[in-house]
C-alpha atoms as a PDB file:
ATOM      1  CA  UNK A   1     -11.392 -24.172   4.915  1.00  0.00           C
ATOM      2  CA  UNK A   2     -12.548 -22.934   1.500  1.00  0.00           C
ATOM      3  CA  UNK A   3     -10.462 -23.085  -1.937  1.00  0.00           C
ATOM      4  CA  UNK A   4      -9.491 -19.470  -1.730  1.00  0.00           C
ATOM      5  CA  UNK A   5      -7.727 -20.187   1.911  1.00  0.00           C
ATOM      6  CA  UNK A   6      -6.119 -23.518   0.429  1.00  0.00           C
ATOM      7  CA  UNK A   7      -4.617 -21.118  -2.283  1.00  0.00           C
ATOM      8  CA  UNK A   8      -3.175 -19.028   0.113  1.00  0.00           C
ATOM      9  CA  UNK A   9      -1.445 -21.854   1.862  1.00  0.00           C
ATOM     10  CA  UNK A  10      -0.086 -23.495  -0.979  1.00  0.00           C
ATOM     11  CA  UNK A  11       1.137 -20.356  -1.931  1.00  0.00           C
ATOM     12  CA  UNK A  12       2.985 -19.724   1.486  1.00  0.00           C
ATOM     13  CA  UNK A  13       4.199 -23.416   1.417  1.00  0.00           C
ATOM     14  CA  UNK A  14       4.898 -24.074  -2.226  1.00  0.00           C
ATOM     15  CA  UNK A  15       6.189 -20.904  -3.639  1.00  0.00           C
ATOM     16  CA  UNK A  16       8.891 -20.229  -1.174  1.00  0.00           C
ATOM     17  CA  UNK A  17      10.248 -23.518  -1.417  1.00  0.00           C
ATOM     18  CA  UNK A  18      10.846 -23.735  -5.084  1.00  0.00           C
ATOM     19  CA  UNK A  19      13.655 -21.697  -6.896  1.00  0.00           C
ATOM     20  CA  UNK A  20      13.108 -18.202  -7.397  1.00  0.00           C
ATOM     21  CA  UNK A  21      13.729 -17.969 -11.277  1.00  0.00           C
ATOM     22  CA  UNK A  22      11.224 -20.999 -11.497  1.00  0.00           C
ATOM     23  CA  UNK A  23       8.460 -19.107  -9.721  1.00  0.00           C
ATOM     24  CA  UNK A  24       9.182 -15.908 -11.156  1.00  0.00           C
ATOM     25  CA  UNK A  25       8.598 -17.473 -14.605  1.00  0.00           C
ATOM     26  CA  UNK A  26       5.440 -19.116 -13.518  1.00  0.00           C
ATOM     27  CA  UNK A  27       4.065 -15.858 -11.998  1.00  0.00           C
ATOM     28  CA  UNK A  28       4.887 -13.731 -15.041  1.00  0.00           C
ATOM     29  CA  UNK A  29       3.284 -16.433 -17.420  1.00  0.00           C
ATOM     30  CA  UNK A  30       0.263 -16.250 -15.182  1.00  0.00           C
ATOM     31  CA  UNK A  31       0.421 -12.466 -15.393  1.00  0.00           C
ATOM     32  CA  UNK A  32       0.602 -12.582 -19.430  1.00  0.00           C
ATOM     33  CA  UNK A  33      -2.234 -14.962 -19.418  1.00  0.00           C
ATOM     34  CA  UNK A  34      -4.315 -12.370 -17.190  1.00  0.00           C
ATOM     35  CA  UNK A  35      -3.403  -9.823 -19.885  1.00  0.00           C
ATOM     36  CA  UNK A  36      -4.656 -11.647 -22.802  1.00  0.00           C
ATOM     37  CA  UNK A  37      -7.685 -12.525 -21.241  1.00  0.00           C
ATOM     38  CA  UNK A  38      -8.600  -9.176 -20.429  1.00  0.00           C
ATOM     39  CA  UNK A  39     -10.844  -9.803 -17.455  1.00  0.00           C
ATOM     40  CA  UNK A  40     -12.161  -7.357 -14.846  1.00  0.00           C
ATOM     41  CA  UNK A  41      -9.250  -6.808 -13.041  1.00  0.00           C
ATOM     42  CA  UNK A  42      -7.291  -6.178 -15.957  1.00  0.00           C
ATOM     43  CA  UNK A  43      -9.889  -3.935 -17.494  1.00  0.00           C
ATOM     44  CA  UNK A  44     -10.110  -2.100 -14.374  1.00  0.00           C
ATOM     45  CA  UNK A  45      -6.264  -1.670 -14.303  1.00  0.00           C
ATOM     46  CA  UNK A  46      -6.340  -0.504 -17.842  1.00  0.00           C
ATOM     47  CA  UNK A  47      -9.332   1.967 -16.869  1.00  0.00           C
ATOM     48  CA  UNK A  48      -7.046   3.333 -13.878  1.00  0.00           C
ATOM     49  CA  UNK A  49      -3.762   3.892 -15.826  1.00  0.00           C
ATOM     50  CA  UNK A  50      -5.625   5.820 -18.622  1.00  0.00           C
ATOM     51  CA  UNK A  51      -6.477   8.440 -15.968  1.00  0.00           C
ATOM     52  CA  UNK A  52      -2.521   8.367 -14.999  1.00  0.00           C
ATOM     53  CA  UNK A  53      -0.936   8.629 -18.163  1.00  0.00           C
ATOM     54  CA  UNK A  54      -3.806  10.700 -19.939  1.00  0.00           C
ATOM     55  CA  UNK A  55      -5.779  10.268 -23.372  1.00  0.00           C
ATOM     56  CA  UNK A  56      -2.503  11.319 -25.393  1.00  0.00           C
ATOM     57  CA  UNK A  57      -0.763   7.909 -25.025  1.00  0.00           C
ATOM     58  CA  UNK A  58      -1.419   5.672 -27.469  1.00  0.00           C
ATOM     59  CA  UNK A  59      -3.594   2.383 -27.038  1.00  0.00           C
ATOM     60  CA  UNK A  60      -0.791   0.240 -28.244  1.00  0.00           C
ATOM     61  CA  UNK A  61       1.602   1.786 -25.316  1.00  0.00           C
ATOM     62  CA  UNK A  62      -1.391   1.833 -22.757  1.00  0.00           C
ATOM     63  CA  UNK A  63      -1.546  -2.043 -23.527  1.00  0.00           C
ATOM     64  CA  UNK A  64       1.992  -2.584 -22.908  1.00  0.00           C
ATOM     65  CA  UNK A  65       1.786  -0.607 -19.621  1.00  0.00           C
ATOM     66  CA  UNK A  66      -0.966  -2.688 -18.381  1.00  0.00           C
ATOM     67  CA  UNK A  67       0.824  -5.790 -19.309  1.00  0.00           C
ATOM     68  CA  UNK A  68       3.854  -4.614 -17.139  1.00  0.00           C
ATOM     69  CA  UNK A  69       1.496  -3.678 -14.368  1.00  0.00           C
ATOM     70  CA  UNK A  70      -0.005  -7.100 -14.135  1.00  0.00           C
ATOM     71  CA  UNK A  71       3.644  -8.475 -14.129  1.00  0.00           C
ATOM     72  CA  UNK A  72       4.457  -5.909 -11.347  1.00  0.00           C
ATOM     73  CA  UNK A  73       1.130  -7.174  -9.410  1.00  0.00           C
ATOM     74  CA  UNK A  74       2.399 -10.794  -9.831  1.00  0.00           C
ATOM     75  CA  UNK A  75       5.704 -10.107  -8.578  1.00  0.00           C
ATOM     76  CA  UNK A  76       4.369  -8.520  -5.380  1.00  0.00           C
ATOM     77  CA  UNK A  77       2.454 -11.750  -4.546  1.00  0.00           C
ATOM     78  CA  UNK A  78       5.379 -14.189  -5.702  1.00  0.00           C
ATOM     79  CA  UNK A  79       7.562 -11.984  -3.289  1.00  0.00           C
ATOM     80  CA  UNK A  80       5.038 -11.690  -0.555  1.00  0.00           C
ATOM     81  CA  UNK A  81       4.626 -15.317  -0.628  1.00  0.00           C
ATOM     82  CA  UNK A  82       8.442 -16.000  -0.022  1.00  0.00           C
ATOM     83  CA  UNK A  83       8.986 -13.006   2.618  1.00  0.00           C
ATOM     84  CA  UNK A  84       8.314 -15.200   5.506  1.00  0.00           C
ATOM     85  CA  UNK A  85      11.473 -17.637   4.391  1.00  0.00           C
ATOM     86  CA  UNK A  86      13.891 -14.688   3.638  1.00  0.00           C
ATOM     87  CA  UNK A  87      16.456 -14.029   6.536  1.00  0.00           C
ATOM     88  CA  UNK A  88      17.081 -10.473   8.111  1.00  0.00           C
ATOM     89  CA  UNK A  89      19.942  -9.704   5.691  1.00  0.00           C
ATOM     90  CA  UNK A  90      17.730 -10.916   2.764  1.00  0.00           C
ATOM     91  CA  UNK A  91      15.212  -8.608   3.940  1.00  0.00           C
ATOM     92  CA  UNK A  92      17.596  -5.564   4.505  1.00  0.00           C
ATOM     93  CA  UNK A  93      19.076  -6.123   0.980  1.00  0.00           C
ATOM     94  CA  UNK A  94      16.109  -6.608  -0.778  1.00  0.00           C
ATOM     95  CA  UNK A  95      14.549  -3.173  -0.372  1.00  0.00           C
ATOM     96  CA  UNK A  96      15.657   0.313  -0.570  1.00  0.00           C
ATOM     97  CA  UNK A  97      14.523   3.288   1.081  1.00  0.00           C
ATOM     98  CA  UNK A  98      15.373   7.122  -0.138  1.00  0.00           C
ATOM     99  CA  UNK A  99      14.915   9.097   3.025  1.00  0.00           C
ATOM    100  CA  UNK A 100      15.517   6.476   5.428  1.00  0.00           C
ATOM    101  CA  UNK A 101      17.714   8.977   7.576  1.00  0.00           C
ATOM    102  CA  UNK A 102      14.404  10.795   8.368  1.00  0.00           C
ATOM    103  CA  UNK A 103      12.650   7.975   9.844  1.00  0.00           C
ATOM    104  CA  UNK A 104      15.619   7.055  11.868  1.00  0.00           C
ATOM    105  CA  UNK A 105      15.808  10.547  13.066  1.00  0.00           C
ATOM    106  CA  UNK A 106      12.285  10.381  14.127  1.00  0.00           C
ATOM    107  CA  UNK A 107      12.362   7.058  15.873  1.00  0.00           C
ATOM    108  CA  UNK A 108      15.377   8.328  17.862  1.00  0.00           C
ATOM    109  CA  UNK A 109      13.792  11.059  18.809  1.00  0.00           C
ATOM    110  CA  UNK A 110      10.620   9.308  20.011  1.00  0.00           C
ATOM    111  CA  UNK A 111       8.183  11.294  17.866  1.00  0.00           C
ATOM    112  CA  UNK A 112       7.154   8.534  15.564  1.00  0.00           C
ATOM    113  CA  UNK A 113       6.067   9.140  11.915  1.00  0.00           C
ATOM    114  CA  UNK A 114       3.057   8.495   9.878  1.00  0.00           C
ATOM    115  CA  UNK A 115       3.704   7.456   6.053  1.00  0.00           C
ATOM    116  CA  UNK A 116       0.998   7.311   3.810  1.00  0.00           C
ATOM    117  CA  UNK A 117       1.305   4.790   0.841  1.00  0.00           C
ATOM    118  CA  UNK A 118      -0.063   3.784  -2.354  1.00  0.00           C
ATOM    119  CA  UNK A 119      -0.961   0.193  -3.447  1.00  0.00           C
ATOM    120  CA  UNK A 120       2.328  -0.022  -5.262  1.00  0.00           C
ATOM    121  CA  UNK A 121       5.611  -1.958  -5.508  1.00  0.00           C
ATOM    122  CA  UNK A 122       5.922  -4.240  -2.397  1.00  0.00           C
ATOM    123  CA  UNK A 123       4.301  -2.413   0.718  1.00  0.00           C
ATOM    124  CA  UNK A 124       4.907  -5.802   2.671  1.00  0.00           C
ATOM    125  CA  UNK A 125       8.697  -5.757   1.847  1.00  0.00           C
ATOM    126  CA  UNK A 126       8.926  -2.225   3.139  1.00  0.00           C
ATOM    127  CA  UNK A 127       7.109  -2.841   6.432  1.00  0.00           C
ATOM    128  CA  UNK A 128       9.385  -6.196   6.722  1.00  0.00           C
ATOM    129  CA  UNK A 129      12.348  -4.004   6.152  1.00  0.00           C
ATOM    130  CA  UNK A 130      11.283  -1.346   8.841  1.00  0.00           C
ATOM    131  CA  UNK A 131      10.965  -4.051  11.381  1.00  0.00           C
ATOM    132  CA  UNK A 132      14.281  -5.575  10.494  1.00  0.00           C
ATOM    133  CA  UNK A 133      15.786  -2.442  10.933  1.00  0.00           C
ATOM    134  CA  UNK A 134      14.722  -2.522  14.378  1.00  0.00           C
ATOM    135  CA  UNK A 135      12.270   0.293  14.315  1.00  0.00           C
ATOM    136  CA  UNK A 136       8.822  -0.324  16.133  1.00  0.00           C
ATOM    137  CA  UNK A 137       6.125  -0.545  13.281  1.00  0.00           C
ATOM    138  CA  UNK A 138       2.232  -0.478  13.404  1.00  0.00           C
ATOM    139  CA  UNK A 139      -0.175  -0.552  10.875  1.00  0.00           C
ATOM    140  CA  UNK A 140      -3.959  -1.610  10.144  1.00  0.00           C
ATOM    141  CA  UNK A 141      -5.487  -4.340   7.928  1.00  0.00           C
ATOM    142  CA  UNK A 142      -8.708  -4.626   6.512  1.00  0.00           C
ATOM    143  CA  UNK A 143     -10.674  -7.786   7.618  1.00  0.00           C
ATOM    144  CA  UNK A 144     -10.582  -9.811   4.750  1.00  0.00           C
ATOM    145  CA  UNK A 145     -13.217 -12.621   3.967  1.00  0.00           C
ATOM    146  CA  UNK A 146     -13.252 -15.717   4.347  1.00  0.00           C
ATOM    147  CA  UNK A 147     -11.957 -15.166   7.887  1.00  0.00           C
ATOM    148  CA  UNK A 148      -9.513 -17.825   7.556  1.00  0.00           C
ATOM    149  CA  UNK A 149      -7.605 -15.796   4.987  1.00  0.00           C
ATOM    150  CA  UNK A 150      -7.843 -12.897   7.137  1.00  0.00           C
ATOM    151  CA  UNK A 151      -6.195 -14.566  10.175  1.00  0.00           C
ATOM    152  CA  UNK A 152      -3.373 -15.928   8.021  1.00  0.00           C
ATOM    153  CA  UNK A 153      -2.689 -12.586   6.576  1.00  0.00           C
ATOM    154  CA  UNK A 154      -2.573 -11.226  10.212  1.00  0.00           C
ATOM    155  CA  UNK A 155      -0.157 -14.057  11.161  1.00  0.00           C
ATOM    156  CA  UNK A 156       2.029 -13.560   7.806  1.00  0.00           C
ATOM    157  CA  UNK A 157       2.475  -9.690   8.632  1.00  0.00           C
ATOM    158  CA  UNK A 158       3.074 -10.273  12.342  1.00  0.00           C
ATOM    159  CA  UNK A 159       5.616 -12.993  11.628  1.00  0.00           C
ATOM    160  CA  UNK A 160       7.625 -10.239   9.676  1.00  0.00           C
ATOM    161  CA  UNK A 161       7.727  -7.926  12.823  1.00  0.00           C
ATOM    162  CA  UNK A 162       4.858  -5.725  12.376  1.00  0.00           C
ATOM    163  CA  UNK A 163       1.924  -4.980  14.786  1.00  0.00           C
ATOM    164  CA  UNK A 164      -1.267  -5.541  12.544  1.00  0.00           C
ATOM    165  CA  UNK A 165      -4.559  -4.299  13.768  1.00  0.00           C
ATOM    166  CA  UNK A 166      -7.600  -4.748  12.531  1.00  0.00           C
ATOM    167  CA  UNK A 167      -9.669  -2.061  10.979  1.00  0.00           C
ATOM    168  CA  UNK A 168     -12.652  -2.987  13.344  1.00  0.00           C
ATOM    169  CA  UNK A 169     -13.553  -5.544  15.995  1.00  0.00           C
ATOM    170  CA  UNK A 170     -10.503  -5.172  17.835  1.00  0.00           C
ATOM    171  CA  UNK A 171     -10.234  -4.882  21.616  1.00  0.00           C
ATOM    172  CA  UNK A 172      -9.712  -0.908  21.093  1.00  0.00           C
ATOM    173  CA  UNK A 173     -10.432   1.387  18.315  1.00  0.00           C
ATOM    174  CA  UNK A 174      -7.281   1.047  16.000  1.00  0.00           C
ATOM    175  CA  UNK A 175      -7.274   4.908  15.887  1.00  0.00           C
ATOM    176  CA  UNK A 176      -6.690   5.043  19.633  1.00  0.00           C
ATOM    177  CA  UNK A 177      -3.891   2.458  19.466  1.00  0.00           C
ATOM    178  CA  UNK A 178      -2.294   4.108  16.605  1.00  0.00           C
ATOM    179  CA  UNK A 179      -2.377   7.593  18.664  1.00  0.00           C
ATOM    180  CA  UNK A 180      -0.620   5.588  21.641  1.00  0.00           C
ATOM    181  CA  UNK A 181       1.992   4.133  19.319  1.00  0.00           C
ATOM    182  CA  UNK A 182       3.014   7.230  17.470  1.00  0.00           C
ATOM    183  CA  UNK A 183       3.376   9.020  20.921  1.00  0.00           C
ATOM    184  CA  UNK A 184       5.744   6.117  21.885  1.00  0.00           C
ATOM    185  CA  UNK A 185       7.787   6.774  18.621  1.00  0.00           C
ATOM    186  CA  UNK A 186       6.625   4.045  16.303  1.00  0.00           C
ATOM    187  CA  UNK A 187       6.511   4.093  12.523  1.00  0.00           C
ATOM    188  CA  UNK A 188       2.706   3.948  11.302  1.00  0.00           C
ATOM    189  CA  UNK A 189       2.484   3.184   7.813  1.00  0.00           C
ATOM    190  CA  UNK A 190      -0.992   3.446   6.158  1.00  0.00           C
ATOM    191  CA  UNK A 191      -2.289   2.834   2.665  1.00  0.00           C
ATOM    192  CA  UNK A 192      -3.829   5.701   1.759  1.00  0.00           C
ATOM    193  CA  UNK A 193      -4.859   5.965  -2.096  1.00  0.00           C
ATOM    194  CA  UNK A 194      -8.199   4.366  -1.809  1.00  0.00           C
ATOM    195  CA  UNK A 195     -10.800   4.478   0.775  1.00  0.00           C
ATOM    196  CA  UNK A 196     -12.547   1.632   2.261  1.00  0.00           C
ATOM    197  CA  UNK A 197     -14.985   2.992   4.288  1.00  0.00           C
ATOM    198  CA  UNK A 198     -17.036   5.120   1.912  1.00  0.00           C
ATOM    199  CA  UNK A 199     -16.593   7.939   4.420  1.00  0.00           C
ATOM    200  CA  UNK A 200     -13.219   9.228   3.187  1.00  0.00           C
ATOM    201  CA  UNK A 201     -12.263  12.787   2.208  1.00  0.00           C
ATOM    202  CA  UNK A 202     -12.990  13.764  -1.407  1.00  0.00           C
ATOM    203  CA  UNK A 203      -9.932  14.677  -3.111  1.00  0.00           C
ATOM    204  CA  UNK A 204      -8.781  15.505  -6.707  1.00  0.00           C
ATOM    205  CA  UNK A 205      -6.668  12.912  -8.011  1.00  0.00           C
ATOM    206  CA  UNK A 206      -5.241  12.820 -12.004  1.00  0.00           C
ATOM    207  CA  UNK A 207      -8.026  15.271 -12.856  1.00  0.00           C
ATOM    208  CA  UNK A 208     -10.849  13.215 -11.266  1.00  0.00           C
ATOM    209  CA  UNK A 209     -12.850  13.282  -7.995  1.00  0.00           C
ATOM    210  CA  UNK A 210     -12.028  10.047  -5.449  1.00  0.00           C
ATOM    211  CA  UNK A 211     -11.994   9.625  -1.909  1.00  0.00           C
ATOM    212  CA  UNK A 212      -9.142   8.805   0.483  1.00  0.00           C
ATOM    213  CA  UNK A 213      -8.777   7.825   4.126  1.00  0.00           C
ATOM    214  CA  UNK A 214      -8.603  10.751   6.493  1.00  0.00           C
ATOM    215  CA  UNK A 215      -6.461   8.705   9.178  1.00  0.00           C
ATOM    216  CA  UNK A 216      -2.861   9.754   7.797  1.00  0.00           C
ATOM    217  CA  UNK A 217      -4.052  13.189   8.093  1.00  0.00           C
ATOM    218  CA  UNK A 218      -5.950  13.009  11.561  1.00  0.00           C
ATOM    219  CA  UNK A 219      -2.908  11.193  13.200  1.00  0.00           C
ATOM    220  CA  UNK A 220      -0.512  13.693  12.237  1.00  0.00           C
ATOM    221  CA  UNK A 221      -2.897  16.533  13.443  1.00  0.00           C
ATOM    222  CA  UNK A 222      -3.705  14.994  16.722  1.00  0.00           C
ATOM    223  CA  UNK A 223      -0.156  13.932  17.389  1.00  0.00           C
ATOM    224  CA  UNK A 224       2.398  16.228  15.722  1.00  0.00           C
ATOM    225  CA  UNK A 225       4.163  13.278  14.466  1.00  0.00           C
ATOM    226  CA  UNK A 226       5.777  14.192  10.902  1.00  0.00           C
ATOM    227  CA  UNK A 227       3.783  12.861   7.969  1.00  0.00           C
ATOM    228  CA  UNK A 228       5.371  11.492   4.823  1.00  0.00           C
ATOM    229  CA  UNK A 229       4.154  10.268   1.567  1.00  0.00           C
ATOM    230  CA  UNK A 230       5.935   7.301  -0.163  1.00  0.00           C
ATOM    231  CA  UNK A 231       6.475   6.251  -3.562  1.00  0.00           C
ATOM    232  CA  UNK A 232       7.184   2.728  -3.966  1.00  0.00           C
ATOM    233  CA  UNK A 233       8.197   0.791  -7.226  1.00  0.00           C
ATOM    234  CA  UNK A 234      10.339  -2.110  -8.593  1.00  0.00           C
ATOM    235  CA  UNK A 235      13.761  -2.096  -9.643  1.00  0.00           C
ATOM    236  CA  UNK A 236      14.881  -5.646 -11.293  1.00  0.00           C
ATOM    237  CA  UNK A 237      16.994  -6.226  -7.968  1.00  0.00           C
ATOM    238  CA  UNK A 238      14.970  -4.728  -5.303  1.00  0.00           C
ATOM    239  CA  UNK A 239      11.703  -3.381  -4.026  1.00  0.00           C
ATOM    240  CA  UNK A 240      12.370   0.454  -3.522  1.00  0.00           C
ATOM    241  CA  UNK A 241      10.639   3.575  -1.922  1.00  0.00           C
ATOM    242  CA  UNK A 242      11.217   7.236  -1.529  1.00  0.00           C
ATOM    243  CA  UNK A 243       9.751   9.441   1.153  1.00  0.00           C
ATOM    244  CA  UNK A 244       8.172  12.867   0.267  1.00  0.00           C
ATOM    245  CA  UNK A 245       7.908  15.335   3.270  1.00  0.00           C
ATOM    246  CA  UNK A 246       7.494  15.708   6.018  1.00  0.00           C
ATOM    247  CA  UNK A 247       4.411  17.531   4.673  1.00  0.00           C
ATOM    248  CA  UNK A 248       3.454  21.071   6.202  1.00  0.00           C
ATOM    249  CA  UNK A 249       0.798  20.231   9.032  1.00  0.00           C
ATOM    250  CA  UNK A 250      -1.889  23.131   8.938  1.00  0.00           C
ATOM    251  CA  UNK A 251      -2.325  24.425  12.645  1.00  0.00           C
ATOM    252  CA  UNK A 252      -5.610  25.696  14.190  1.00  0.00           C
ATOM    253  CA  UNK A 253      -5.351  29.107  12.922  1.00  0.00           C
ATOM    254  CA  UNK A 254      -6.081  27.809   9.412  1.00  0.00           C
ATOM    255  CA  UNK A 255      -9.459  26.603  10.351  1.00  0.00           C
ATOM    256  CA  UNK A 256     -11.558  23.982  11.877  1.00  0.00           C
ATOM    257  CA  UNK A 257     -10.438  20.768  12.081  1.00  0.00           C
ATOM    258  CA  UNK A 258     -12.463  19.157   9.113  1.00  0.00           C
ATOM    259  CA  UNK A 259     -10.892  21.460   6.960  1.00  0.00           C
ATOM    260  CA  UNK A 260      -7.381  21.218   7.836  1.00  0.00           C
ATOM    261  CA  UNK A 261      -8.116  17.466   7.341  1.00  0.00           C
ATOM    262  CA  UNK A 262      -9.435  18.061   3.768  1.00  0.00           C
ATOM    263  CA  UNK A 263      -6.528  20.425   3.121  1.00  0.00           C
ATOM    264  CA  UNK A 264      -3.763  17.835   4.195  1.00  0.00           C
ATOM    265  CA  UNK A 265      -5.406  14.817   2.394  1.00  0.00           C
ATOM    266  CA  UNK A 266      -5.262  16.584  -0.773  1.00  0.00           C
ATOM    267  CA  UNK A 267      -1.526  17.344  -0.415  1.00  0.00           C
ATOM    268  CA  UNK A 268      -1.024  13.444   0.051  1.00  0.00           C
ATOM    269  CA  UNK A 269      -3.084  12.947  -2.827  1.00  0.00           C
ATOM    270  CA  UNK A 270      -0.748  15.395  -4.764  1.00  0.00           C
ATOM    271  CA  UNK A 271       2.069  13.681  -3.644  1.00  0.00           C
ATOM    272  CA  UNK A 272       0.743  10.223  -4.276  1.00  0.00           C
ATOM    273  CA  UNK A 273       0.013  10.923  -7.798  1.00  0.00           C
ATOM    274  CA  UNK A 274       3.467  12.498  -8.461  1.00  0.00           C
ATOM    275  CA  UNK A 275       4.682   9.152  -7.091  1.00  0.00           C
ATOM    276  CA  UNK A 276       2.289   7.113  -9.256  1.00  0.00           C
ATOM    277  CA  UNK A 277       3.009   9.028 -12.444  1.00  0.00           C
ATOM    278  CA  UNK A 278       6.735   8.388 -12.158  1.00  0.00           C
ATOM    279  CA  UNK A 279       6.178   4.628 -12.031  1.00  0.00           C
ATOM    280  CA  UNK A 280       2.770   3.700 -13.272  1.00  0.00           C
ATOM    281  CA  UNK A 281       3.460   0.080 -14.033  1.00  0.00           C
ATOM    282  CA  UNK A 282       3.794  -0.557 -10.186  1.00  0.00           C
ATOM    283  CA  UNK A 283       0.641   0.798  -9.246  1.00  0.00           C
ATOM    284  CA  UNK A 284      -1.443  -2.074  -8.215  1.00  0.00           C
ATOM    285  CA  UNK A 285      -4.798  -0.376  -8.579  1.00  0.00           C
ATOM    286  CA  UNK A 286      -7.489  -3.172  -9.737  1.00  0.00           C
ATOM    287  CA  UNK A 287     -10.426  -1.805  -8.149  1.00  0.00           C
ATOM    288  CA  UNK A 288     -13.270   1.315  -9.029  1.00  0.00           C
ATOM    289  CA  UNK A 289     -10.982   4.267  -8.240  1.00  0.00           C
ATOM    290  CA  UNK A 290     -12.936   7.480  -9.130  1.00  0.00           C
ATOM    291  CA  UNK A 291     -16.272   8.236  -8.048  1.00  0.00           C
ATOM    292  CA  UNK A 292     -17.348   8.621 -11.958  1.00  0.00           C
ATOM    293  CA  UNK A 293     -16.344   5.182 -13.019  1.00  0.00           C
ATOM    294  CA  UNK A 294     -18.854   2.460 -13.451  1.00  0.00           C
ATOM    295  CA  UNK A 295     -19.005  -0.321 -10.879  1.00  0.00           C
ATOM    296  CA  UNK A 296     -18.813  -3.212 -13.296  1.00  0.00           C
ATOM    297  CA  UNK A 297     -15.615  -5.042 -13.995  1.00  0.00           C
ATOM    298  CA  UNK A 298     -14.480  -4.745 -10.546  1.00  0.00           C
ATOM    299  CA  UNK A 299     -11.089  -6.527  -9.858  1.00  0.00           C
ATOM    300  CA  UNK A 300     -10.498  -8.735  -6.897  1.00  0.00           C
ATOM    301  CA  UNK A 301     -10.027  -7.382  -3.356  1.00  0.00           C
ATOM    302  CA  UNK A 302      -6.427  -6.273  -2.481  1.00  0.00           C
ATOM    303  CA  UNK A 303      -5.371  -7.563   0.711  1.00  0.00           C
ATOM    304  CA  UNK A 304      -3.885  -4.436   2.248  1.00  0.00           C
ATOM    305  CA  UNK A 305      -1.193  -4.487   4.739  1.00  0.00           C
ATOM    306  CA  UNK A 306      -2.221  -1.289   5.813  1.00  0.00           C
ATOM    307  CA  UNK A 307      -5.353   0.753   5.499  1.00  0.00           C
ATOM    308  CA  UNK A 308      -6.229   4.348   7.269  1.00  0.00           C
ATOM    309  CA  UNK A 309      -8.908   4.034   9.951  1.00  0.00           C
ATOM    310  CA  UNK A 310     -11.737   6.057   8.734  1.00  0.00           C
END
């Protein structure tokens, strides 16, 4: 067991045992120190947020946005560490979803739903809320290193009621399992704003080129399940989300499958951008995002609650 794994163990055991005001103050202080230090993660967040807000925003206002962004990211970790200790009623009251009736109807009809998510707000709280509502939920998670951390994150999310599939190395390909789950009526949320495979679909995003995973589009095209794009953000008293969609899914008459995947993934990118633009301080993207960005100054890996299969 290395120091990274020990740190996560301490987070889950110690952070959830202490009073929330004390923990929240400590995590905010840590975020402010990271902001003052201006390390690689903070520098990458600053560069990414500059793309979002454009060149017109004064540097001082961008600096304040980066500070709020790091505080939001710290809040995510603080709340994630405390989630396993929360009761079902606390999970339900701590998250609000605009558009919940759409998912309720999809689950009741047995058609399932694909939800494309950004790395924003608290996606773990969103998944826990879906499970606490009583809806089946299946998603995938990238294989983190070291393996001990990966296994602990798998167990953490499974304890919240989510079925978690590894992106690779499972008994069956994750994509095949997701197809089955959708056809059985499950909710399938997938982080969709950053490609982890280097084989993603090239899209326009805030005026630049990036790659996003093809998984959400492919799942919708193969199953006919409705496809939504979520916007996630924080309010002082809760993590929040809203759904855009269902998106129009192009039929075979539009063109071959790869063309339809590109078209639908661009539509996902446009909806993700709209949500991020409304709440840029809650977009936790501390990694290289655009194809023309230098690779220096990378932030730490974001342990994803969901990521699209390639």
